[in-house]
C-alpha cells in the first residue's frame, strides 16, 4: 500500500514538473514567432473553453445524481426528461461559442 502511494506521488510530481517545464519553454517560443498582440489574442481564445467548462457549476453532475436516485422509482419518464434538460446549458454555451463575433 505504501509503495502504491509513493508511486502515485512520484507520478503526480513528474506530471507537474513536465507541465511547468512546458509552460516555461512555451512563452519564449510563442513570443519568438508571434508579437505580443497576437500572443494576447491566442491567450484569450484559449481561455474561453476553460471558462465555459467552469460555467457548468455542477449542473450536469447534480442532474446525473438525480437521475440515479430516480432510477429506483417506477417513473422512468422523469429520468429521460432530466437528462435532456441537463444538456441544455451545455448546448447554449456551444451555440454561443460557435457564433462568430462582429467587429465594431
PDB file of N, CA and C in Angstrom:
ATOM      1  N   UNK A   1       0.823  -1.186   0.000  1.00  0.00           N
ATOM      2  CA  UNK A   1       0.000   0.000   0.000  1.00  0.00           C
ATOM      3  C   UNK A   1       0.876   1.263   0.000  1.00  0.00           C
ATOM      4  N   UNK A   2       1.904   1.223   0.851  1.00  0.00           N
ATOM      5  CA  UNK A   2       2.793   2.375   0.949  1.00  0.00           C
ATOM      6  C   UNK A   2       3.528   2.602  -0.372  1.00  0.00           C
ATOM      7  N   UNK A   3       3.889   1.504  -1.025  1.00  0.00           N
ATOM      8  CA  UNK A   3       4.596   1.606  -2.305  1.00  0.00           C
ATOM      9  C   UNK A   3       3.706   2.239  -3.377  1.00  0.00           C
ATOM     10  N   UNK A   4       2.430   1.900  -3.391  1.00  0.00           N
ATOM     11  CA  UNK A   4       1.489   2.485  -4.360  1.00  0.00           C
ATOM     12  C   UNK A   4       1.322   3.980  -4.125  1.00  0.00           C
ATOM     13  N   UNK A   5       1.265   4.388  -2.862  1.00  0.00           N
ATOM     14  CA  UNK A   5       1.132   5.814  -2.545  1.00  0.00           C
ATOM     15  C   UNK A   5       2.367   6.582  -3.005  1.00  0.00           C
ATOM     16  N   UNK A   6       3.529   6.028  -2.738  1.00  0.00           N
ATOM     17  CA  UNK A   6       4.775   6.682  -3.155  1.00  0.00           C
ATOM     18  C   UNK A   6       4.864   6.746  -4.673  1.00  0.00           C
ATOM     19  N   UNK A   7       4.459   5.667  -5.359  1.00  0.00           N
ATOM     20  CA  UNK A   7       4.483   5.658  -6.822  1.00  0.00           C
ATOM     21  C   UNK A   7       3.499   6.691  -7.380  1.00  0.00           C
ATOM     22  N   UNK A   8       2.332   6.793  -6.769  1.00  0.00           N
ATOM     23  CA  UNK A   8       1.351   7.785  -7.208  1.00  0.00           C
ATOM     24  C   UNK A   8       1.846   9.205  -6.998  1.00  0.00           C
ATOM     25  N   UNK A   9       2.467   9.463  -5.863  1.00  0.00           N
ATOM     26  CA  UNK A   9       3.024  10.793  -5.604  1.00  0.00           C
ATOM     27  C   UNK A   9       4.148  11.122  -6.577  1.00  0.00           C
ATOM     28  N   UNK A  10       4.964  10.127  -6.887  1.00  0.00           N
ATOM     29  CA  UNK A  10       6.052  10.335  -7.845  1.00  0.00           C
ATOM     30  C   UNK A  10       5.520  10.640  -9.239  1.00  0.00           C
ATOM     31  N   UNK A  11       4.499   9.906  -9.668  1.00  0.00           N
ATOM     32  CA  UNK A  11       3.912  10.148 -10.983  1.00  0.00           C
ATOM     33  C   UNK A  11       3.258  11.529 -11.044  1.00  0.00           C
ATOM     34  N   UNK A  12       2.578  11.908  -9.980  1.00  0.00           N
ATOM     35  CA  UNK A  12       1.946  13.228  -9.929  1.00  0.00           C
ATOM     36  C   UNK A  12       2.996  14.333  -9.959  1.00  0.00           C
ATOM     37  N   UNK A  13       4.069  14.176  -9.221  1.00  0.00           N
ATOM     38  CA  UNK A  13       5.148  15.165  -9.211  1.00  0.00           C
ATOM     39  C   UNK A  13       5.813  15.273 -10.579  1.00  0.00           C
ATOM     40  N   UNK A  14       6.007  14.139 -11.238  1.00  0.00           N
ATOM     41  CA  UNK A  14       6.590  14.139 -12.569  1.00  0.00           C
ATOM     42  C   UNK A  14       5.683  14.879 -13.556  1.00  0.00           C
ATOM     43  N   UNK A  15       4.386  14.636 -13.464  1.00  0.00           N
ATOM     44  CA  UNK A  15       3.434  15.327 -14.331  1.00  0.00           C
ATOM     45  C   UNK A  15       3.450  16.828 -14.113  1.00  0.00           C
ATOM     46  N   UNK A  16       3.522  17.252 -12.858  1.00  0.00           N
ATOM     47  CA  UNK A  16       3.591  18.691 -12.566  1.00  0.00           C
ATOM     48  C   UNK A  16       4.889  19.301 -13.082  1.00  0.00           C
ATOM     49  N   UNK A  17       5.998  18.578 -12.940  1.00  0.00           N
ATOM     50  CA  UNK A  17       7.279  19.088 -13.429  1.00  0.00           C
ATOM     51  C   UNK A  17       7.259  19.238 -14.948  1.00  0.00           C
ATOM     52  N   UNK A  18       6.660  18.296 -15.647  1.00  0.00           N
ATOM     53  CA  UNK A  18       6.547  18.390 -17.104  1.00  0.00           C
ATOM     54  C   UNK A  18       5.681  19.584 -17.489  1.00  0.00           C
ATOM     55  N   UNK A  19       4.560  19.796 -16.796  1.00  0.00           N
ATOM     56  CA  UNK A  19       3.685  20.933 -17.080  1.00  0.00           C
ATOM     57  C   UNK A  19       4.412  22.254 -16.866  1.00  0.00           C
ATOM     58  N   UNK A  20       5.130  22.370 -15.777  1.00  0.00           N
ATOM     59  CA  UNK A  20       5.890  23.604 -15.502  1.00  0.00           C
ATOM     60  C   UNK A  20       6.954  23.815 -16.567  1.00  0.00           C
ATOM     61  N   UNK A  21       7.648  22.751 -16.954  1.00  0.00           N
ATOM     62  CA  UNK A  21       8.671  22.864 -17.988  1.00  0.00           C
ATOM     63  C   UNK A  21       8.091  23.320 -19.324  1.00  0.00           C
ATOM     64  N   UNK A  22       6.952  22.757 -19.704  1.00  0.00           N
ATOM     65  CA  UNK A  22       6.310  23.152 -20.963  1.00  0.00           C
ATOM     66  C   UNK A  22       5.896  24.617 -20.912  1.00  0.00           C
ATOM     67  N   UNK A  23       5.350  25.045 -19.778  1.00  0.00           N
ATOM     68  CA  UNK A  23       4.933  26.441 -19.668  1.00  0.00           C
ATOM     69  C   UNK A  23       6.121  27.395 -19.711  1.00  0.00           C
ATOM     70  N   UNK A  24       7.215  27.024 -19.092  1.00  0.00           N
ATOM     71  CA  UNK A  24       8.399  27.893 -19.110  1.00  0.00           C
ATOM     72  C   UNK A  24       9.048  27.964 -20.488  1.00  0.00           C
ATOM     73  N   UNK A  25       8.949  26.887 -21.251  1.00  0.00           N
ATOM     74  CA  UNK A  25       9.531  26.874 -22.585  1.00  0.00           C
ATOM     75  C   UNK A  25       8.606  27.518 -23.611  1.00  0.00           C
ATOM     76  N   UNK A  26       7.301  27.345 -23.448  1.00  0.00           N
ATOM     77  CA  UNK A  26       6.361  27.809 -24.476  1.00  0.00           C
ATOM     78  C   UNK A  26       6.279  29.331 -24.568  1.00  0.00           C
ATOM     79  N   UNK A  27       6.381  30.048 -23.474  1.00  0.00           N
ATOM     80  CA  UNK A  27       6.268  31.507 -23.538  1.00  0.00           C
ATOM     81  C   UNK A  27       7.348  32.136 -24.414  1.00  0.00           C
ATOM     82  N   UNK A  28       8.640  31.865 -24.197  1.00  0.00           N
ATOM     83  CA  UNK A  28       9.636  32.449 -25.104  1.00  0.00           C
ATOM     84  C   UNK A  28       9.480  31.966 -26.545  1.00  0.00           C
ATOM     85  N   UNK A  29       9.054  30.721 -26.710  1.00  0.00           N
ATOM     86  CA  UNK A  29       8.873  30.179 -28.049  1.00  0.00           C
ATOM     87  C   UNK A  29       7.744  30.903 -28.786  1.00  0.00           C
ATOM     88  N   UNK A  30       6.604  31.091 -28.112  1.00  0.00           N
ATOM     89  CA  UNK A  30       5.493  31.815 -28.734  1.00  0.00           C
ATOM     90  C   UNK A  30       5.880  33.257 -29.044  1.00  0.00           C
ATOM     91  N   UNK A  31       6.537  33.908 -28.108  1.00  0.00           N
ATOM     92  CA  UNK A  31       6.901  35.316 -28.329  1.00  0.00           C
ATOM     93  C   UNK A  31       7.989  35.467 -29.394  1.00  0.00           C
ATOM     94  N   UNK A  32       8.738  34.412 -29.651  1.00  0.00           N
ATOM     95  CA  UNK A  32       9.732  34.466 -30.728  1.00  0.00           C
ATOM     96  C   UNK A  32       9.047  34.509 -32.101  1.00  0.00           C
ATOM     97  N   UNK A  33       7.959  33.736 -32.243  1.00  0.00           N
ATOM     98  CA  UNK A  33       7.285  33.653 -33.537  1.00  0.00           C
ATOM     99  C   UNK A  33       6.113  34.631 -33.671  1.00  0.00           C
ATOM    100  N   UNK A  34       5.499  35.045 -32.572  1.00  0.00           N
ATOM    101  CA  UNK A  34       4.362  35.963 -32.609  1.00  0.00           C
ATOM    102  C   UNK A  34       4.744  37.253 -31.898  1.00  0.00           C
ATOM    103  N   UNK A  35       4.041  38.337 -32.237  1.00  0.00           N
ATOM    104  CA  UNK A  35       4.213  39.563 -31.451  1.00  0.00           C
ATOM    105  C   UNK A  35       3.315  39.468 -30.216  1.00  0.00           C
ATOM    106  N   UNK A  36       3.437  40.416 -29.313  1.00  0.00           N
ATOM    107  CA  UNK A  36       2.680  40.330 -28.054  1.00  0.00           C
ATOM    108  C   UNK A  36       1.180  40.452 -28.279  1.00  0.00           C
ATOM    109  N   UNK A  37       0.771  41.192 -29.290  1.00  0.00           N
ATOM    110  CA  UNK A  37      -0.660  41.330 -29.569  1.00  0.00           C
ATOM    111  C   UNK A  37      -1.262  39.998 -30.020  1.00  0.00           C
ATOM    112  N   UNK A  38      -0.598  39.312 -30.918  1.00  0.00           N
ATOM    113  CA  UNK A  38      -1.084  38.012 -31.394  1.00  0.00           C
ATOM    114  C   UNK A  38      -1.078  36.994 -30.259  1.00  0.00           C
ATOM    115  N   UNK A  39      -0.054  37.025 -29.431  1.00  0.00           N
ATOM    116  CA  UNK A  39       0.007  36.111 -28.292  1.00  0.00           C
ATOM    117  C   UNK A  39      -1.134  36.390 -27.307  1.00  0.00           C
ATOM    118  N   UNK A  40      -1.441  37.665 -27.086  1.00  0.00           N
ATOM    119  CA  UNK A  40      -2.551  38.013 -26.198  1.00  0.00           C
ATOM    120  C   UNK A  40      -3.884  37.520 -26.734  1.00  0.00           C
ATOM    121  N   UNK A  41      -4.099  37.644 -28.035  1.00  0.00           N
ATOM    122  CA  UNK A  41      -5.339  37.137 -28.642  1.00  0.00           C
ATOM    123  C   UNK A  41      -5.405  35.621 -28.493  1.00  0.00           C
ATOM    124  N   UNK A  42      -4.283  34.944 -28.714  1.00  0.00           N
ATOM    125  CA  UNK A  42      -4.262  33.497 -28.567  1.00  0.00           C
ATOM    126  C   UNK A  42      -4.580  33.101 -27.126  1.00  0.00           C
ATOM    127  N   UNK A  43      -4.046  33.827 -26.144  1.00  0.00           N
ATOM    128  CA  UNK A  43      -4.346  33.526 -24.738  1.00  0.00           C
ATOM    129  C   UNK A  43      -5.833  33.690 -24.443  1.00  0.00           C
ATOM    130  N   UNK A  44      -6.418  34.763 -24.973  1.00  0.00           N
ATOM    131  CA  UNK A  44      -7.860  34.980 -24.742  1.00  0.00           C
ATOM    132  C   UNK A  44      -8.684  33.864 -25.379  1.00  0.00           C
ATOM    133  N   UNK A  45      -8.355  33.490 -26.605  1.00  0.00           N
ATOM    134  CA  UNK A  45      -9.123  32.442 -27.281  1.00  0.00           C
ATOM    135  C   UNK A  45      -8.936  31.078 -26.628  1.00  0.00           C
ATOM    136  N   UNK A  46      -7.754  30.801 -26.126  1.00  0.00           N
ATOM    137  CA  UNK A  46      -7.534  29.509 -25.478  1.00  0.00           C
ATOM    138  C   UNK A  46      -8.149  29.465 -24.076  1.00  0.00           C
ATOM    139  N   UNK A  47      -8.447  30.611 -23.481  1.00  0.00           N
ATOM    140  CA  UNK A  47      -9.067  30.633 -22.156  1.00  0.00           C
ATOM    141  C   UNK A  47     -10.575  30.426 -22.220  1.00  0.00           C
ATOM    142  N   UNK A  48     -11.175  30.658 -23.370  1.00  0.00           N
ATOM    143  CA  UNK A  48     -12.638  30.549 -23.484  1.00  0.00           C
ATOM    144  C   UNK A  48     -13.137  29.148 -23.126  1.00  0.00           C
ATOM    145  N   UNK A  49     -12.565  28.061 -23.643  1.00  0.00           N
ATOM    146  CA  UNK A  49     -13.064  26.738 -23.242  1.00  0.00           C
ATOM    147  C   UNK A  49     -12.942  26.477 -21.743  1.00  0.00           C
ATOM    148  N   UNK A  50     -11.898  26.987 -21.112  1.00  0.00           N
ATOM    149  CA  UNK A  50     -11.751  26.793 -19.666  1.00  0.00           C
ATOM    150  C   UNK A  50     -12.863  27.504 -18.904  1.00  0.00           C
ATOM    151  N   UNK A  51     -13.165  28.734 -19.307  1.00  0.00           N
ATOM    152  CA  UNK A  51     -14.251  29.463 -18.653  1.00  0.00           C
ATOM    153  C   UNK A  51     -15.591  28.792 -18.897  1.00  0.00           C
ATOM    154  N   UNK A  52     -15.817  28.285 -20.088  1.00  0.00           N
ATOM    155  CA  UNK A  52     -17.088  27.618 -20.378  1.00  0.00           C
ATOM    156  C   UNK A  52     -17.237  26.329 -19.582  1.00  0.00           C
ATOM    157  N   UNK A  53     -16.153  25.603 -19.397  1.00  0.00           N
ATOM    158  CA  UNK A  53     -16.254  24.372 -18.610  1.00  0.00           C
ATOM    159  C   UNK A  53     -16.498  24.682 -17.135  1.00  0.00           C
ATOM    160  N   UNK A  54     -15.963  25.803 -16.635  1.00  0.00           N
ATOM    161  CA  UNK A  54     -16.223  26.181 -15.245  1.00  0.00           C
ATOM    162  C   UNK A  54     -17.632  26.734 -15.073  1.00  0.00           C
ATOM    163  N   UNK A  55     -18.241  27.213 -16.147  1.00  0.00           N
ATOM    164  CA  UNK A  55     -19.575  27.789 -16.054  1.00  0.00           C
ATOM    165  C   UNK A  55     -20.643  26.731 -15.812  1.00  0.00           C
ATOM    166  N   UNK A  56     -20.289  25.481 -15.932  1.00  0.00           N
ATOM    167  CA  UNK A  56     -21.235  24.392 -15.700  1.00  0.00           C
ATOM    168  C   UNK A  56     -21.720  24.383 -14.259  1.00  0.00           C
ATOM    169  N   UNK A  57     -20.888  24.703 -13.315  1.00  0.00           N
ATOM    170  CA  UNK A  57     -21.186  24.831 -11.889  1.00  0.00           C
ATOM    171  C   UNK A  57     -21.906  23.594 -11.333  1.00  0.00           C
ATOM    172  N   UNK A  58     -21.562  22.434 -11.829  1.00  0.00           N
ATOM    173  CA  UNK A  58     -22.110  21.202 -11.272  1.00  0.00           C
ATOM    174  C   UNK A  58     -23.512  20.862 -11.699  1.00  0.00           C
ATOM    175  N   UNK A  59     -24.051  21.551 -12.693  1.00  0.00           N
ATOM    176  CA  UNK A  59     -25.426  21.278 -13.123  1.00  0.00           C
ATOM    177  C   UNK A  59     -25.557  19.859 -13.680  1.00  0.00           C
ATOM    178  N   UNK A  60     -24.618  19.435 -14.504  1.00  0.00           N
ATOM    179  CA  UNK A  60     -24.698  18.104 -15.107  1.00  0.00           C
ATOM    180  C   UNK A  60     -24.497  17.036 -14.038  1.00  0.00           C
ATOM    181  N   UNK A  61     -23.605  17.268 -13.091  1.00  0.00           N
ATOM    182  CA  UNK A  61     -23.391  16.303 -12.010  1.00  0.00           C
ATOM    183  C   UNK A  61     -24.635  16.171 -11.140  1.00  0.00           C
ATOM    184  N   UNK A  62     -25.246  17.300 -10.812  1.00  0.00           N
ATOM    185  CA  UNK A  62     -26.460  17.263  -9.995  1.00  0.00           C
ATOM    186  C   UNK A  62     -27.588  16.542 -10.733  1.00  0.00           C
ATOM    187  N   UNK A  63     -27.715  16.803 -12.025  1.00  0.00           N
ATOM    188  CA  UNK A  63     -28.753  16.121 -12.799  1.00  0.00           C
ATOM    189  C   UNK A  63     -28.476  14.622 -12.865  1.00  0.00           C
ATOM    190  N   UNK A  64     -27.208  14.243 -13.017  1.00  0.00           N
ATOM    191  CA  UNK A  64     -26.861  12.820 -13.018  1.00  0.00           C
ATOM    192  C   UNK A  64     -27.181  12.150 -11.693  1.00  0.00           C
ATOM    193  N   UNK A  65     -26.925  12.834 -10.593  1.00  0.00           N
ATOM    194  CA  UNK A  65     -27.263  12.281  -9.278  1.00  0.00           C
ATOM    195  C   UNK A  65     -28.767  12.107  -9.128  1.00  0.00           C
ATOM    196  N   UNK A  66     -29.520  13.095  -9.587  1.00  0.00           N
ATOM    197  CA  UNK A  66     -30.982  12.987  -9.509  1.00  0.00           C
ATOM    198  C   UNK A  66     -31.491  11.864 -10.398  1.00  0.00           C
ATOM    199  N   UNK A  67     -30.860  11.671 -11.553  1.00  0.00           N
ATOM    200  CA  UNK A  67     -31.273  10.563 -12.433  1.00  0.00           C
ATOM    201  C   UNK A  67     -31.004   9.222 -11.764  1.00  0.00           C
ATOM    202  N   UNK A  68     -29.868   9.099 -11.097  1.00  0.00           N
ATOM    203  CA  UNK A  68     -29.561   7.842 -10.410  1.00  0.00           C
ATOM    204  C   UNK A  68     -30.525   7.585  -9.263  1.00  0.00           C
ATOM    205  N   UNK A  69     -30.903   8.635  -8.533  1.00  0.00           N
ATOM    206  CA  UNK A  69     -31.864   8.454  -7.450  1.00  0.00           C
ATOM    207  C   UNK A  69     -33.236   8.077  -8.003  1.00  0.00           C
ATOM    208  N   UNK A  70     -33.587   8.639  -9.154  1.00  0.00           N
ATOM    209  CA  UNK A  70     -34.892   8.351  -9.741  1.00  0.00           C
ATOM    210  C   UNK A  70     -34.927   6.997 -10.437  1.00  0.00           C
ATOM    211  N   UNK A  71     -33.766   6.382 -10.652  1.00  0.00           N
ATOM    212  CA  UNK A  71     -33.726   5.099 -11.366  1.00  0.00           C
ATOM    213  C   UNK A  71     -34.448   4.007 -10.593  1.00  0.00           C
ATOM    214  N   UNK A  72     -34.477   4.110  -9.265  1.00  0.00           N
ATOM    215  CA  UNK A  72     -35.162   3.097  -8.462  1.00  0.00           C
ATOM    216  C   UNK A  72     -36.670   3.294  -8.467  1.00  0.00           C
ATOM    217  N   UNK A  73     -37.105   4.459  -8.878  1.00  0.00           N
ATOM    218  CA  UNK A  73     -38.544   4.739  -8.905  1.00  0.00           C
ATOM    219  C   UNK A  73     -39.142   4.258 -10.218  1.00  0.00           C
ATOM    220  N   UNK A  74     -40.429   3.949 -10.208  1.00  0.00           N
ATOM    221  CA  UNK A  74     -41.039   3.451 -11.448  1.00  0.00           C
ATOM    222  C   UNK A  74     -41.246   4.528 -12.520  1.00  0.00           C
ATOM    223  N   UNK A  75     -41.116   5.785 -12.177  1.00  0.00           N
ATOM    224  CA  UNK A  75     -41.363   6.851 -13.159  1.00  0.00           C
ATOM    225  C   UNK A  75     -40.118   7.049 -14.020  1.00  0.00           C
ATOM    226  N   UNK A  76     -39.949   6.228 -15.041  1.00  0.00           N
ATOM    227  CA  UNK A  76     -38.750   6.303 -15.887  1.00  0.00           C
ATOM    228  C   UNK A  76     -38.796   7.500 -16.829  1.00  0.00           C
ATOM    229  N   UNK A  77     -39.971   8.040 -17.085  1.00  0.00           N
ATOM    230  CA  UNK A  77     -40.057   9.192 -17.990  1.00  0.00           C
ATOM    231  C   UNK A  77     -39.355  10.401 -17.415  1.00  0.00           C
ATOM    232  N   UNK A  78     -39.417  10.576 -16.092  1.00  0.00           N
ATOM    233  CA  UNK A  78     -38.759  11.726 -15.468  1.00  0.00           C
ATOM    234  C   UNK A  78     -37.252  11.657 -15.676  1.00  0.00           C
ATOM    235  N   UNK A  79     -36.712  10.446 -15.673  1.00  0.00           N
ATOM    236  CA  UNK A  79     -35.273  10.261 -15.867  1.00  0.00           C
ATOM    237  C   UNK A  79     -34.856  10.762 -17.250  1.00  0.00           C
ATOM    238  N   UNK A  80     -35.616  10.417 -18.265  1.00  0.00           N
ATOM    239  CA  UNK A  80     -35.306  10.855 -19.625  1.00  0.00           C
ATOM    240  C   UNK A  80     -35.451  12.362 -19.754  1.00  0.00           C
ATOM    241  N   UNK A  81     -36.476  12.919 -19.147  1.00  0.00           N
ATOM    242  CA  UNK A  81     -36.684  14.362 -19.223  1.00  0.00           C
ATOM    243  C   UNK A  81     -35.531  15.117 -18.573  1.00  0.00           C
ATOM    244  N   UNK A  82     -35.038  14.630 -17.439  1.00  0.00           N
ATOM    245  CA  UNK A  82     -33.945  15.322 -16.751  1.00  0.00           C
ATOM    246  C   UNK A  82     -32.655  15.275 -17.555  1.00  0.00           C
ATOM    247  N   UNK A  83     -32.388  14.167 -18.231  1.00  0.00           N
ATOM    248  CA  UNK A  83     -31.137  14.090 -18.980  1.00  0.00           C
ATOM    249  C   UNK A  83     -31.136  15.085 -20.127  1.00  0.00           C
ATOM    250  N   UNK A  84     -32.263  15.293 -20.776  1.00  0.00           N
ATOM    251  CA  UNK A  84     -32.329  16.292 -21.844  1.00  0.00           C
ATOM    252  C   UNK A  84     -32.209  17.698 -21.302  1.00  0.00           C
ATOM    253  N   UNK A  85     -32.769  17.955 -20.132  1.00  0.00           N
ATOM    254  CA  UNK A  85     -32.677  19.286 -19.534  1.00  0.00           C
ATOM    255  C   UNK A  85     -31.276  19.617 -19.060  1.00  0.00           C
ATOM    256  N   UNK A  86     -30.522  18.611 -18.653  1.00  0.00           N
ATOM    257  CA  UNK A  86     -29.167  18.864 -18.170  1.00  0.00           C
ATOM    258  C   UNK A  86     -28.242  19.242 -19.315  1.00  0.00           C
ATOM    259  N   UNK A  87     -28.569  18.822 -20.518  1.00  0.00           N
ATOM    260  CA  UNK A  87     -27.706  19.129 -21.650  1.00  0.00           C
ATOM    261  C   UNK A  87     -27.978  20.520 -22.212  1.00  0.00           C
ATOM    262  N   UNK A  88     -29.092  21.122 -21.871  1.00  0.00           N
ATOM    263  CA  UNK A  88     -29.423  22.400 -22.493  1.00  0.00           C
ATOM    264  C   UNK A  88     -28.442  23.523 -22.147  1.00  0.00           C
ATOM    265  N   UNK A  89     -27.931  23.684 -20.926  1.00  0.00           N
ATOM    266  CA  UNK A  89     -26.941  24.746 -20.705  1.00  0.00           C
ATOM    267  C   UNK A  89     -25.682  24.524 -21.528  1.00  0.00           C
ATOM    268  N   UNK A  90     -25.289  23.276 -21.674  1.00  0.00           N
ATOM    269  CA  UNK A  90     -24.117  22.975 -22.481  1.00  0.00           C
ATOM    270  C   UNK A  90     -24.373  23.291 -23.958  1.00  0.00           C
ATOM    271  N   UNK A  91     -25.571  23.000 -24.412  1.00  0.00           N
ATOM    272  CA  UNK A  91     -25.917  23.288 -25.797  1.00  0.00           C
ATOM    273  C   UNK A  91     -25.923  24.785 -26.047  1.00  0.00           C
ATOM    274  N   UNK A  92     -26.473  25.541 -25.111  1.00  0.00           N
ATOM    275  CA  UNK A  92     -26.499  27.001 -25.257  1.00  0.00           C
ATOM    276  C   UNK A  92     -25.083  27.553 -25.310  1.00  0.00           C
ATOM    277  N   UNK A  93     -24.204  27.067 -24.443  1.00  0.00           N
ATOM    278  CA  UNK A  93     -22.823  27.546 -24.455  1.00  0.00           C
ATOM    279  C   UNK A  93     -22.122  27.185 -25.753  1.00  0.00           C
ATOM    280  N   UNK A  94     -22.398  25.988 -26.284  1.00  0.00           N
ATOM    281  CA  UNK A  94     -21.761  25.582 -27.536  1.00  0.00           C
ATOM    282  C   UNK A  94     -22.212  26.459 -28.693  1.00  0.00           C
ATOM    283  N   UNK A  95     -23.502  26.776 -28.716  1.00  0.00           N
ATOM    284  CA  UNK A  95     -24.008  27.652 -29.776  1.00  0.00           C
ATOM    285  C   UNK A  95     -23.413  29.041 -29.634  1.00  0.00           C
ATOM    286  N   UNK A  96     -23.317  29.539 -28.411  1.00  0.00           N
ATOM    287  CA  UNK A  96     -22.735  30.869 -28.200  1.00  0.00           C
ATOM    288  C   UNK A  96     -21.261  30.885 -28.617  1.00  0.00           C
ATOM    289  N   UNK A  97     -20.538  29.810 -28.331  1.00  0.00           N
ATOM    290  CA  UNK A  97     -19.117  29.764 -28.686  1.00  0.00           C
ATOM    291  C   UNK A  97     -18.930  29.650 -30.194  1.00  0.00           C
ATOM    292  N   UNK A  98     -19.872  28.996 -30.873  1.00  0.00           N
ATOM    293  CA  UNK A  98     -19.739  28.813 -32.314  1.00  0.00           C
ATOM    294  C   UNK A  98     -20.205  30.037 -33.107  1.00  0.00           C
ATOM    295  N   UNK A  99     -20.942  30.937 -32.469  1.00  0.00           N
ATOM    296  CA  UNK A  99     -21.442  32.117 -33.160  1.00  0.00           C
ATOM    297  C   UNK A  99     -20.298  33.111 -33.347  1.00  0.00           C
ATOM    298  N   UNK A 100     -20.054  33.524 -34.592  1.00  0.00           N
ATOM    299  CA  UNK A 100     -18.957  34.480 -34.802  1.00  0.00           C
ATOM    300  C   UNK A 100     -19.305  35.853 -34.237  1.00  0.00           C
ATOM    301  N   UNK A 101     -18.288  36.486 -33.684  1.00  0.00           N
ATOM    302  CA  UNK A 101     -18.479  37.823 -33.116  1.00  0.00           C
ATOM    303  C   UNK A 101     -18.285  38.875 -34.198  1.00  0.00           C
ATOM    304  N   UNK A 102     -19.067  39.922 -34.122  1.00  0.00           N
ATOM    305  CA  UNK A 102     -18.924  41.016 -35.081  1.00  0.00           C
ATOM    306  C   UNK A 102     -17.844  41.972 -34.629  1.00  0.00           C
ATOM    307  N   UNK A 103     -17.122  42.488 -35.567  1.00  0.00           N
ATOM    308  CA  UNK A 103     -16.124  43.506 -35.238  1.00  0.00           C
ATOM    309  C   UNK A 103     -16.806  44.862 -35.245  1.00  0.00           C
ATOM    310  N   UNK A 104     -16.478  45.729 -34.268  1.00  0.00           N
ATOM    311  CA  UNK A 104     -17.120  47.053 -34.239  1.00  0.00           C
ATOM    312  C   UNK A 104     -16.623  47.971 -35.330  1.00  0.00           C
TER     313      UNK A 104
END
